Amino acid sequence: MAGGSQLTDATAVPRGVPAFLGRPGPTAIHRLNPLTKLTLAIVTSVAAFVVGGTIGPIVLLALFVGVPAVTAGVLRRLLRTSLLLSLPLAASAVLVNTFFFPGAHEVLFRVGPFTATGEGLRFALEILARIGAISGAVTLFYLTTRPADLVVDLERRGISARIAFVANASVQTVPAMVDRATQITAAQRARGLDTEGSVWRRLRGIVPIVGPVIL
């Protein structure tokens, strides 16, 4: 009985972590060493900036985020979570660069006193590709790694308890935001927000959710 009790304690899901992050890893991606997955997320994020352009980050997103996400069976959740987390930054990047890109001359259209330029739009697309690769890589790590596993692995490697605590607190941030977004979505639906149906309706339904989540 004592052994069974210890086993139950050892495999218990940490408090504050959504249930889908606490289940035992069903795929090879889930069973990878936590530090390996963290390194992959960091390398992918840095490479998205180093490579530059639009094609490079998209290739990184497809190979190092899309393929592992499909293998792990978390692609749908990854897309939803990544979009929710990156939408405010992506929207501001598109607006600022499209309408206020310095030294641009290729006019696309005008909205009152503001002018959309081709140079600004192309640069905004590059920023979007980088944001997509970074948010996708980070979200993939969170969706396939238990925070407790990362902390245990860091301590096993001799990392100080203080650094391990900071890492654990950081890892808890995205799951907490996902859990908060779920609560806000339920509240908005109760007020009549339409978040089902066509893709356009779902995209429109995300906007009223993003503000409260970030706040």
C-alpha atoms as a PDB file:
ATOM      1  CA  MET A   1       0.000   0.000   0.000  1.00  0.00           C
ATOM      2  CA  ALA A   2       2.869   2.343   0.859  1.00  0.00           C
ATOM      3  CA  GLY A   3       4.484   1.715  -2.515  1.00  0.00           C
ATOM      4  CA  GLY A   4       1.186   2.381  -4.283  1.00  0.00           C
ATOM      5  CA  SER A   5       0.793   5.626  -2.357  1.00  0.00           C
ATOM      6  CA  GLN A   6       4.282   6.742  -3.364  1.00  0.00           C
ATOM      7  CA  LEU A   7       3.571   5.931  -7.008  1.00  0.00           C
ATOM      8  CA  THR A   8       0.381   7.959  -6.908  1.00  0.00           C
ATOM      9  CA  ASP A   9       2.213  10.927  -5.383  1.00  0.00           C
ATOM     10  CA  ALA A  10       5.028  10.716  -7.916  1.00  0.00           C
ATOM     11  CA  THR A  11       2.702  10.758 -10.916  1.00  0.00           C
ATOM     12  CA  ALA A  12       0.276  13.346  -9.571  1.00  0.00           C
ATOM     13  CA  VAL A  13      -0.393  16.340 -11.785  1.00  0.00           C
ATOM     14  CA  PRO A  14       1.049  19.561 -10.333  1.00  0.00           C
ATOM     15  CA  ARG A  15      -1.502  22.068  -9.090  1.00  0.00           C
ATOM     16  CA  GLY A  16      -2.408  24.873 -11.444  1.00  0.00           C
ATOM     17  CA  VAL A  17      -1.458  22.924 -14.586  1.00  0.00           C
ATOM     18  CA  PRO A  18      -4.262  22.076 -17.042  1.00  0.00           C
ATOM     19  CA  ALA A  19      -5.109  18.383 -17.228  1.00  0.00           C
ATOM     20  CA  PHE A  20      -3.958  18.020 -20.841  1.00  0.00           C
ATOM     21  CA  LEU A  21      -0.452  19.111 -19.820  1.00  0.00           C
ATOM     22  CA  GLY A  22      -0.254  16.596 -16.997  1.00  0.00           C
ATOM     23  CA  ARG A  23      -1.103  13.343 -18.764  1.00  0.00           C
ATOM     24  CA  PRO A  24       1.715  10.834 -19.345  1.00  0.00           C
ATOM     25  CA  GLY A  25       3.357  11.278 -22.740  1.00  0.00           C
ATOM     26  CA  PRO A  26       1.581   9.086 -25.301  1.00  0.00           C
ATOM     27  CA  THR A  27       3.998   9.840 -28.155  1.00  0.00           C
ATOM     28  CA  ALA A  28       7.740   9.964 -28.792  1.00  0.00           C
ATOM     29  CA  ILE A  29       7.614  13.774 -28.764  1.00  0.00           C
ATOM     30  CA  HIS A  30       6.082  13.781 -25.284  1.00  0.00           C
ATOM     31  CA  ARG A  31       8.729  11.356 -24.049  1.00  0.00           C
ATOM     32  CA  LEU A  32      11.681  13.421 -25.235  1.00  0.00           C
ATOM     33  CA  ASN A  33      13.877  14.852 -22.513  1.00  0.00           C
ATOM     34  CA  PRO A  34      12.362  18.176 -21.339  1.00  0.00           C
ATOM     35  CA  LEU A  35      15.658  20.013 -21.783  1.00  0.00           C
ATOM     36  CA  THR A  36      15.925  18.666 -25.341  1.00  0.00           C
ATOM     37  CA  LYS A  37      12.504  20.091 -26.167  1.00  0.00           C
ATOM     38  CA  LEU A  38      13.351  23.393 -24.498  1.00  0.00           C
ATOM     39  CA  THR A  39      16.575  23.611 -26.516  1.00  0.00           C
ATOM     40  CA  LEU A  40      14.658  22.873 -29.729  1.00  0.00           C
ATOM     41  CA  ALA A  41      12.168  25.655 -28.933  1.00  0.00           C
ATOM     42  CA  ILE A  42      14.958  28.159 -28.211  1.00  0.00           C
ATOM     43  CA  VAL A  43      16.972  27.226 -31.322  1.00  0.00           C
ATOM     44  CA  THR A  44      13.882  27.472 -33.543  1.00  0.00           C
ATOM     45  CA  SER A  45      12.995  30.883 -32.084  1.00  0.00           C
ATOM     46  CA  VAL A  46      16.521  32.268 -32.522  1.00  0.00           C
ATOM     47  CA  ALA A  47      16.824  30.789 -36.023  1.00  0.00           C
ATOM     48  CA  ALA A  48      13.577  32.519 -37.050  1.00  0.00           C
ATOM     49  CA  PHE A  49      15.333  35.857 -36.448  1.00  0.00           C
ATOM     50  CA  VAL A  50      18.717  34.861 -37.831  1.00  0.00           C
ATOM     51  CA  VAL A  51      17.352  33.394 -41.085  1.00  0.00           C
ATOM     52  CA  GLY A  52      15.171  36.410 -41.794  1.00  0.00           C
ATOM     53  CA  GLY A  53      12.829  36.846 -44.725  1.00  0.00           C
ATOM     54  CA  THR A  54       9.474  35.114 -44.990  1.00  0.00           C
ATOM     55  CA  ILE A  55      10.331  31.696 -46.428  1.00  0.00           C
ATOM     56  CA  GLY A  56      12.937  30.785 -43.791  1.00  0.00           C
ATOM     57  CA  PRO A  57      10.674  31.152 -40.727  1.00  0.00           C
ATOM     58  CA  ILE A  58       7.838  29.374 -42.565  1.00  0.00           C
ATOM     59  CA  VAL A  59      10.131  26.418 -43.302  1.00  0.00           C
ATOM     60  CA  LEU A  60      11.223  26.362 -39.646  1.00  0.00           C
ATOM     61  CA  LEU A  61       7.579  26.484 -38.578  1.00  0.00           C
ATOM     62  CA  ALA A  62       6.653  23.590 -40.845  1.00  0.00           C
ATOM     63  CA  LEU A  63       9.628  21.327 -40.075  1.00  0.00           C
ATOM     64  CA  PHE A  64      10.346  21.967 -36.397  1.00  0.00           C
ATOM     65  CA  VAL A  65       6.863  22.841 -35.169  1.00  0.00           C
ATOM     66  CA  GLY A  66       4.285  21.444 -37.592  1.00  0.00           C
ATOM     67  CA  VAL A  67       5.768  17.965 -38.030  1.00  0.00           C
ATOM     68  CA  PRO A  68       6.381  17.370 -34.284  1.00  0.00           C
ATOM     69  CA  ALA A  69       2.922  18.764 -33.474  1.00  0.00           C
ATOM     70  CA  VAL A  70       1.287  16.310 -35.885  1.00  0.00           C
ATOM     71  CA  THR A  71       3.383  13.468 -34.461  1.00  0.00           C
ATOM     72  CA  ALA A  72       2.367  14.420 -30.922  1.00  0.00           C
ATOM     73  CA  GLY A  73      -1.290  14.850 -31.893  1.00  0.00           C
ATOM     74  CA  VAL A  74      -1.456  18.444 -30.597  1.00  0.00           C
ATOM     75  CA  LEU A  75      -1.614  20.391 -33.876  1.00  0.00           C
ATOM     76  CA  ARG A  76      -5.157  21.673 -33.360  1.00  0.00           C
ATOM     77  CA  ARG A  77      -4.484  22.838 -29.803  1.00  0.00           C
ATOM     78  CA  LEU A  78      -1.161  24.322 -30.866  1.00  0.00           C
ATOM     79  CA  LEU A  79      -2.797  26.412 -33.586  1.00  0.00           C
ATOM     80  CA  ARG A  80      -5.500  27.667 -31.237  1.00  0.00           C
ATOM     81  CA  THR A  81      -3.135  28.483 -28.366  1.00  0.00           C
ATOM     82  CA  SER A  82      -0.425  29.994 -30.556  1.00  0.00           C
ATOM     83  CA  LEU A  83      -2.942  32.200 -32.330  1.00  0.00           C
ATOM     84  CA  LEU A  84      -4.426  33.370 -29.056  1.00  0.00           C
ATOM     85  CA  LEU A  85      -1.028  34.251 -27.588  1.00  0.00           C
ATOM     86  CA  SER A  86       0.443  35.939 -30.673  1.00  0.00           C
ATOM     87  CA  LEU A  87      -2.603  37.752 -32.083  1.00  0.00           C
ATOM     88  CA  PRO A  88      -2.124  41.078 -30.214  1.00  0.00           C
ATOM     89  CA  LEU A  89       1.547  41.344 -31.225  1.00  0.00           C
ATOM     90  CA  ALA A  90       0.831  40.188 -34.780  1.00  0.00           C
ATOM     91  CA  ALA A  91      -2.002  42.689 -35.244  1.00  0.00           C
ATOM     92  CA  SER A  92       0.111  45.592 -33.991  1.00  0.00           C
ATOM     93  CA  ALA A  93       3.050  44.530 -36.196  1.00  0.00           C
ATOM     94  CA  VAL A  94       0.859  44.495 -39.311  1.00  0.00           C
ATOM     95  CA  LEU A  95      -0.763  47.860 -38.607  1.00  0.00           C
ATOM     96  CA  VAL A  96       2.404  49.696 -37.585  1.00  0.00           C
ATOM     97  CA  ASN A  97       4.574  48.395 -40.442  1.00  0.00           C
ATOM     98  CA  THR A  98       1.937  48.577 -43.174  1.00  0.00           C
ATOM     99  CA  PHE A  99       0.936  52.167 -42.434  1.00  0.00           C
ATOM    100  CA  PHE A 100       4.063  53.680 -40.835  1.00  0.00           C
ATOM    101  CA  PHE A 101       7.024  51.991 -42.533  1.00  0.00           C
ATOM    102  CA  PRO A 102       9.782  54.623 -42.870  1.00  0.00           C
ATOM    103  CA  GLY A 103      10.996  55.610 -46.324  1.00  0.00           C
ATOM    104  CA  ALA A 104       8.365  53.600 -48.218  1.00  0.00           C
ATOM    105  CA  HIS A 105       7.154  54.771 -51.641  1.00  0.00           C
ATOM    106  CA  GLU A 106       4.994  51.920 -53.022  1.00  0.00           C
ATOM    107  CA  VAL A 107       1.474  53.081 -52.163  1.00  0.00           C
ATOM    108  CA  LEU A 108      -1.176  50.354 -51.954  1.00  0.00           C
ATOM    109  CA  PHE A 109      -4.171  52.287 -50.628  1.00  0.00           C
ATOM    110  CA  ARG A 110      -5.091  55.099 -48.269  1.00  0.00           C
ATOM    111  CA  VAL A 111      -7.312  55.123 -45.186  1.00  0.00           C
ATOM    112  CA  GLY A 112      -7.943  58.749 -44.293  1.00  0.00           C
ATOM    113  CA  PRO A 113      -4.548  60.296 -43.471  1.00  0.00           C
ATOM    114  CA  PHE A 114      -2.820  56.895 -43.322  1.00  0.00           C
ATOM    115  CA  THR A 115      -1.092  55.273 -46.295  1.00  0.00           C
ATOM    116  CA  ALA A 116      -0.517  51.541 -46.670  1.00  0.00           C
ATOM    117  CA  THR A 117       2.717  50.751 -48.496  1.00  0.00           C
ATOM    118  CA  GLY A 118       3.998  47.667 -50.255  1.00  0.00           C
ATOM    119  CA  GLU A 119       7.360  47.805 -48.485  1.00  0.00           C
ATOM    120  CA  GLY A 120       5.616  47.989 -45.125  1.00  0.00           C
ATOM    121  CA  LEU A 121       3.281  45.112 -45.938  1.00  0.00           C
ATOM    122  CA  ARG A 122       6.156  42.871 -47.044  1.00  0.00           C
ATOM    123  CA  PHE A 123       8.086  43.650 -43.881  1.00  0.00           C
ATOM    124  CA  ALA A 124       4.944  42.986 -41.814  1.00  0.00           C
ATOM    125  CA  LEU A 125       4.645  39.552 -43.451  1.00  0.00           C
ATOM    126  CA  GLU A 126       8.249  38.820 -42.473  1.00  0.00           C
ATOM    127  CA  ILE A 127       7.445  39.790 -38.884  1.00  0.00           C
ATOM    128  CA  LEU A 128       4.336  37.586 -38.934  1.00  0.00           C
ATOM    129  CA  ALA A 129       6.382  34.612 -40.145  1.00  0.00           C
ATOM    130  CA  ARG A 130       8.862  35.106 -37.309  1.00  0.00           C
ATOM    131  CA  ILE A 131       6.120  35.523 -34.718  1.00  0.00           C
ATOM    132  CA  GLY A 132       4.438  32.353 -35.998  1.00  0.00           C
ATOM    133  CA  ALA A 133       7.653  30.320 -35.748  1.00  0.00           C
ATOM    134  CA  ILE A 134       8.473  31.618 -32.269  1.00  0.00           C
ATOM    135  CA  SER A 135       4.992  31.263 -30.778  1.00  0.00           C
ATOM    136  CA  GLY A 136       4.583  27.848 -32.387  1.00  0.00           C
ATOM    137  CA  ALA A 137       7.902  26.566 -31.026  1.00  0.00           C
ATOM    138  CA  VAL A 138       7.206  27.818 -27.518  1.00  0.00           C
ATOM    139  CA  THR A 139       3.623  26.520 -27.525  1.00  0.00           C
ATOM    140  CA  LEU A 140       4.755  23.094 -28.749  1.00  0.00           C
ATOM    141  CA  PHE A 141       7.137  22.888 -25.805  1.00  0.00           C
ATOM    142  CA  TYR A 142       4.387  23.762 -23.311  1.00  0.00           C
ATOM    143  CA  LEU A 143       1.887  21.334 -24.836  1.00  0.00           C
ATOM    144  CA  THR A 144       4.235  18.358 -24.730  1.00  0.00           C
ATOM    145  CA  THR A 145       6.171  18.961 -21.499  1.00  0.00           C
ATOM    146  CA  ARG A 146       5.089  18.694 -17.876  1.00  0.00           C
ATOM    147  CA  PRO A 147       6.493  21.617 -15.857  1.00  0.00           C
ATOM    148  CA  ALA A 148       7.435  19.259 -13.017  1.00  0.00           C
ATOM    149  CA  ASP A 149       9.488  17.125 -15.424  1.00  0.00           C
ATOM    150  CA  LEU A 150      11.512  20.138 -16.540  1.00  0.00           C
ATOM    151  CA  VAL A 151      12.234  21.194 -12.961  1.00  0.00           C
ATOM    152  CA  VAL A 152      13.290  17.673 -11.958  1.00  0.00           C
ATOM    153  CA  ASP A 153      15.587  17.420 -14.986  1.00  0.00           C
ATOM    154  CA  LEU A 154      17.198  20.793 -14.244  1.00  0.00           C
ATOM    155  CA  GLU A 155      17.810  19.852 -10.621  1.00  0.00           C
ATOM    156  CA  ARG A 156      19.195  16.481 -11.721  1.00  0.00           C
ATOM    157  CA  ARG A 157      21.747  18.331 -13.850  1.00  0.00           C
ATOM    158  CA  GLY A 158      22.917  20.385 -10.866  1.00  0.00           C
ATOM    159  CA  ILE A 159      20.987  23.575 -11.610  1.00  0.00           C
ATOM    160  CA  SER A 160      20.350  25.577  -8.430  1.00  0.00           C
ATOM    161  CA  ALA A 161      16.918  25.375  -6.840  1.00  0.00           C
ATOM    162  CA  ARG A 162      16.475  29.126  -7.354  1.00  0.00           C
ATOM    163  CA  ILE A 163      16.927  28.857 -11.139  1.00  0.00           C
ATOM    164  CA  ALA A 164      14.710  25.769 -11.223  1.00  0.00           C
ATOM    165  CA  PHE A 165      12.018  27.745  -9.392  1.00  0.00           C
ATOM    166  CA  VAL A 166      12.230  30.579 -11.947  1.00  0.00           C
ATOM    167  CA  ALA A 167      12.019  28.049 -14.796  1.00  0.00           C
ATOM    168  CA  ASN A 168       8.985  26.407 -13.217  1.00  0.00           C
ATOM    169  CA  ALA A 169       7.255  29.776 -12.744  1.00  0.00           C
ATOM    170  CA  SER A 170       7.937  30.671 -16.377  1.00  0.00           C
ATOM    171  CA  VAL A 171       6.650  27.329 -17.633  1.00  0.00           C
ATOM    172  CA  GLN A 172       3.450  27.838 -15.658  1.00  0.00           C
ATOM    173  CA  THR A 173       2.689  31.122 -17.437  1.00  0.00           C
ATOM    174  CA  VAL A 174       1.337  29.807 -20.754  1.00  0.00           C
ATOM    175  CA  PRO A 175      -0.756  27.015 -19.182  1.00  0.00           C
ATOM    176  CA  ALA A 176      -2.217  29.625 -16.835  1.00  0.00           C
ATOM    177  CA  MET A 177      -3.080  31.840 -19.801  1.00  0.00           C
ATOM    178  CA  VAL A 178      -4.659  28.904 -21.640  1.00  0.00           C
ATOM    179  CA  ASP A 179      -6.739  28.058 -18.590  1.00  0.00           C
ATOM    180  CA  ARG A 180      -7.725  31.714 -18.215  1.00  0.00           C
ATOM    181  CA  ALA A 181      -8.650  31.917 -21.905  1.00  0.00           C
ATOM    182  CA  THR A 182     -10.925  28.889 -21.477  1.00  0.00           C
ATOM    183  CA  GLN A 183     -12.739  30.591 -18.611  1.00  0.00           C
ATOM    184  CA  ILE A 184     -13.076  33.864 -20.541  1.00  0.00           C
ATOM    185  CA  THR A 185     -14.350  32.031 -23.628  1.00  0.00           C
ATOM    186  CA  ALA A 186     -17.038  30.331 -21.558  1.00  0.00           C
ATOM    187  CA  ALA A 187     -18.029  33.684 -20.052  1.00  0.00           C
ATOM    188  CA  GLN A 188     -18.172  35.364 -23.467  1.00  0.00           C
ATOM    189  CA  ARG A 189     -20.281  32.540 -24.868  1.00  0.00           C
ATOM    190  CA  ALA A 190     -22.690  32.983 -21.983  1.00  0.00           C
ATOM    191  CA  ARG A 191     -23.024  36.621 -23.115  1.00  0.00           C
ATOM    192  CA  GLY A 192     -23.884  35.507 -26.653  1.00  0.00           C
ATOM    193  CA  LEU A 193     -20.460  35.534 -28.361  1.00  0.00           C
ATOM    194  CA  ASP A 194     -20.400  33.215 -31.403  1.00  0.00           C
ATOM    195  CA  THR A 195     -17.151  31.191 -31.390  1.00  0.00           C
ATOM    196  CA  GLU A 196     -18.376  28.237 -33.429  1.00  0.00           C
ATOM    197  CA  GLY A 197     -19.228  27.679 -37.072  1.00  0.00           C
ATOM    198  CA  SER A 198     -17.157  28.942 -39.991  1.00  0.00           C
ATOM    199  CA  VAL A 199     -13.481  29.871 -39.798  1.00  0.00           C
ATOM    200  CA  TRP A 200     -14.344  33.569 -40.206  1.00  0.00           C
ATOM    201  CA  ARG A 201     -16.767  33.432 -37.276  1.00  0.00           C
ATOM    202  CA  ARG A 202     -14.148  31.765 -35.113  1.00  0.00           C
ATOM    203  CA  LEU A 203     -11.537  34.377 -36.035  1.00  0.00           C
ATOM    204  CA  ARG A 204     -13.988  37.162 -35.225  1.00  0.00           C
ATOM    205  CA  GLY A 205     -14.780  35.449 -31.937  1.00  0.00           C
ATOM    206  CA  ILE A 206     -11.105  35.449 -30.889  1.00  0.00           C
ATOM    207  CA  VAL A 207     -10.814  39.244 -30.844  1.00  0.00           C
ATOM    208  CA  PRO A 208     -13.128  39.836 -27.824  1.00  0.00           C
ATOM    209  CA  ILE A 209     -11.226  37.127 -25.949  1.00  0.00           C
ATOM    210  CA  VAL A 210      -7.668  38.376 -26.517  1.00  0.00           C
ATOM    211  CA  GLY A 211      -8.033  41.652 -24.605  1.00  0.00           C
ATOM    212  CA  PRO A 212      -9.243  40.141 -21.314  1.00  0.00           C
ATOM    213  CA  VAL A 213      -6.639  37.349 -21.550  1.00  0.00           C
ATOM    214  CA  ILE A 214      -3.729  39.787 -21.943  1.00  0.00           C
ATOM    215  CA  LEU A 215      -5.068  42.087 -19.223  1.00  0.00           C
END
